[in-house]
Amino acid sequence: GYIIGEVSKLWRVDSDNILLADMRIANKVYLFDGQGNMRYALDDYGQGPGQFNALWDVQFNPHRRTVETWDLTQHKLMAFGLESGQLEEEFVIRQ
């Protein structure tokens, strides 16, 4: 099962994909199919590649078909493939 604490953002990507972000309580991003079955969750906590500590923002990029996350504590922008949920790009922004 999965626990969703608060829906922060929600996208109906197309008839086959619903993207939901819970940035306050669960600190996860979920992808559901058109029937509401969870396909995956982005929930890998830590400081390594593709890992995050505190989701500050999440966006869906329709042109690249990526889920883009911003980890405030690590100053890290990550892009995950919509279909796979796999890390495609990662940038650390230093002050």
Protein backbone atom coordinates (compact mmCIF):
# COMPACT_ATOMS: atom_id res chain seq x y z
CA GLY A 1 0.00 0.00 0.00
CA TYR A 2 0.92 3.64 0.06
CA ILE A 3 0.27 6.51 2.39
CA ILE A 4 -0.57 9.95 1.05
CA GLY A 5 -0.60 12.59 3.75
CA GLU A 6 -1.44 15.71 1.78
CA VAL A 7 -1.78 16.32 -1.94
CA SER A 8 0.56 19.21 -2.70
CA LYS A 9 0.35 18.97 -6.51
CA LEU A 10 -1.60 16.84 -8.94
CA TRP A 11 -1.31 16.42 -12.73
CA ARG A 12 -3.49 14.42 -15.10
CA VAL A 13 -0.62 13.85 -17.54
CA ASP A 14 -2.70 11.87 -20.04
CA SER A 15 -5.29 9.07 -19.96
CA ASP A 16 -2.62 6.64 -18.70
CA ASN A 17 -0.75 8.72 -16.09
CA ILE A 18 -1.68 10.67 -12.97
CA LEU A 19 1.19 12.33 -11.10
CA LEU A 20 0.75 13.27 -7.45
CA ALA A 21 3.20 15.02 -5.12
CA ASP A 22 2.98 15.00 -1.31
CA MET A 23 5.73 17.41 -0.26
CA ARG A 24 4.55 18.07 3.32
CA ILE A 25 3.85 14.75 5.02
CA ALA A 26 5.02 11.73 3.00
CA ASN A 27 7.74 13.66 1.09
CA LYS A 28 7.12 11.50 -2.00
CA VAL A 29 6.01 11.71 -5.61
CA TYR A 30 3.69 9.01 -6.96
CA LEU A 31 2.76 7.97 -10.49
CA PHE A 32 -0.59 6.22 -10.92
CA ASP A 33 -2.08 4.65 -14.02
CA GLY A 34 -5.43 5.79 -15.41
CA GLN A 35 -7.26 3.29 -13.17
CA GLY A 36 -5.61 4.59 -9.98
CA ASN A 37 -3.02 1.81 -9.54
CA MET A 38 0.37 3.02 -8.31
CA ARG A 39 3.13 2.48 -10.86
CA TYR A 40 5.98 3.84 -8.71
CA ALA A 41 6.91 6.27 -5.96
CA LEU A 42 9.92 8.58 -5.88
CA ASP A 43 10.89 8.15 -2.24
CA ASP A 44 14.63 7.45 -2.07
CA TYR A 45 15.93 9.45 0.90
CA GLY A 46 19.58 10.30 1.29
CA GLN A 47 22.38 12.31 -0.23
CA GLY A 48 23.43 10.10 -3.14
CA PRO A 49 22.49 10.34 -6.81
CA GLY A 50 18.72 10.48 -7.25
CA GLN A 51 18.16 10.80 -3.51
CA PHE A 52 16.51 13.69 -1.69
CA ASN A 53 15.88 14.84 1.87
CA ALA A 54 13.24 17.56 1.58
CA LEU A 55 11.12 18.08 -1.52
CA TRP A 56 10.54 21.78 -1.88
CA ASP A 57 9.02 21.75 -5.34
CA VAL A 58 7.93 19.23 -7.97
CA GLN A 59 7.03 19.94 -11.60
CA PHE A 60 6.03 17.86 -14.59
CA ASN A 61 7.88 18.83 -17.78
CA PRO A 62 5.54 17.84 -20.64
CA HIS A 63 8.15 18.47 -23.36
CA ARG A 64 10.78 16.19 -21.84
CA ARG A 65 8.19 13.93 -20.08
CA THR A 66 10.15 14.20 -16.87
CA VAL A 67 9.28 14.70 -13.22
CA GLU A 68 11.54 17.46 -11.90
CA THR A 69 12.20 17.83 -8.18
CA TRP A 70 13.97 20.45 -6.08
CA ASP A 71 15.59 19.34 -2.81
CA LEU A 72 15.94 22.47 -0.71
CA THR A 73 18.40 21.11 1.85
CA GLN A 74 20.85 19.78 -0.75
CA HIS A 75 20.27 22.54 -3.35
CA LYS A 76 19.69 19.77 -5.87
CA LEU A 77 17.54 19.72 -8.99
CA MET A 78 16.74 16.25 -10.35
CA ALA A 79 14.85 15.04 -13.43
CA PHE A 80 13.27 11.57 -13.44
CA GLY A 81 11.80 9.88 -16.51
CA LEU A 82 8.00 9.86 -16.28
CA GLU A 83 7.56 6.31 -17.55
CA SER A 84 10.48 4.73 -15.70
CA GLY A 85 10.89 6.82 -12.56
CA GLN A 86 14.65 6.57 -13.15
CA LEU A 87 17.04 9.48 -12.62
CA GLU A 88 17.95 11.16 -15.92
CA GLU A 89 19.75 14.32 -14.75
CA GLU A 90 20.94 15.88 -11.53
CA PHE A 91 22.35 19.34 -10.83
CA VAL A 92 23.66 20.69 -7.55
CA ILE A 93 23.43 24.46 -7.33
CA ARG A 94 25.98 26.03 -4.98
CA GLN A 95 25.87 29.55 -3.64
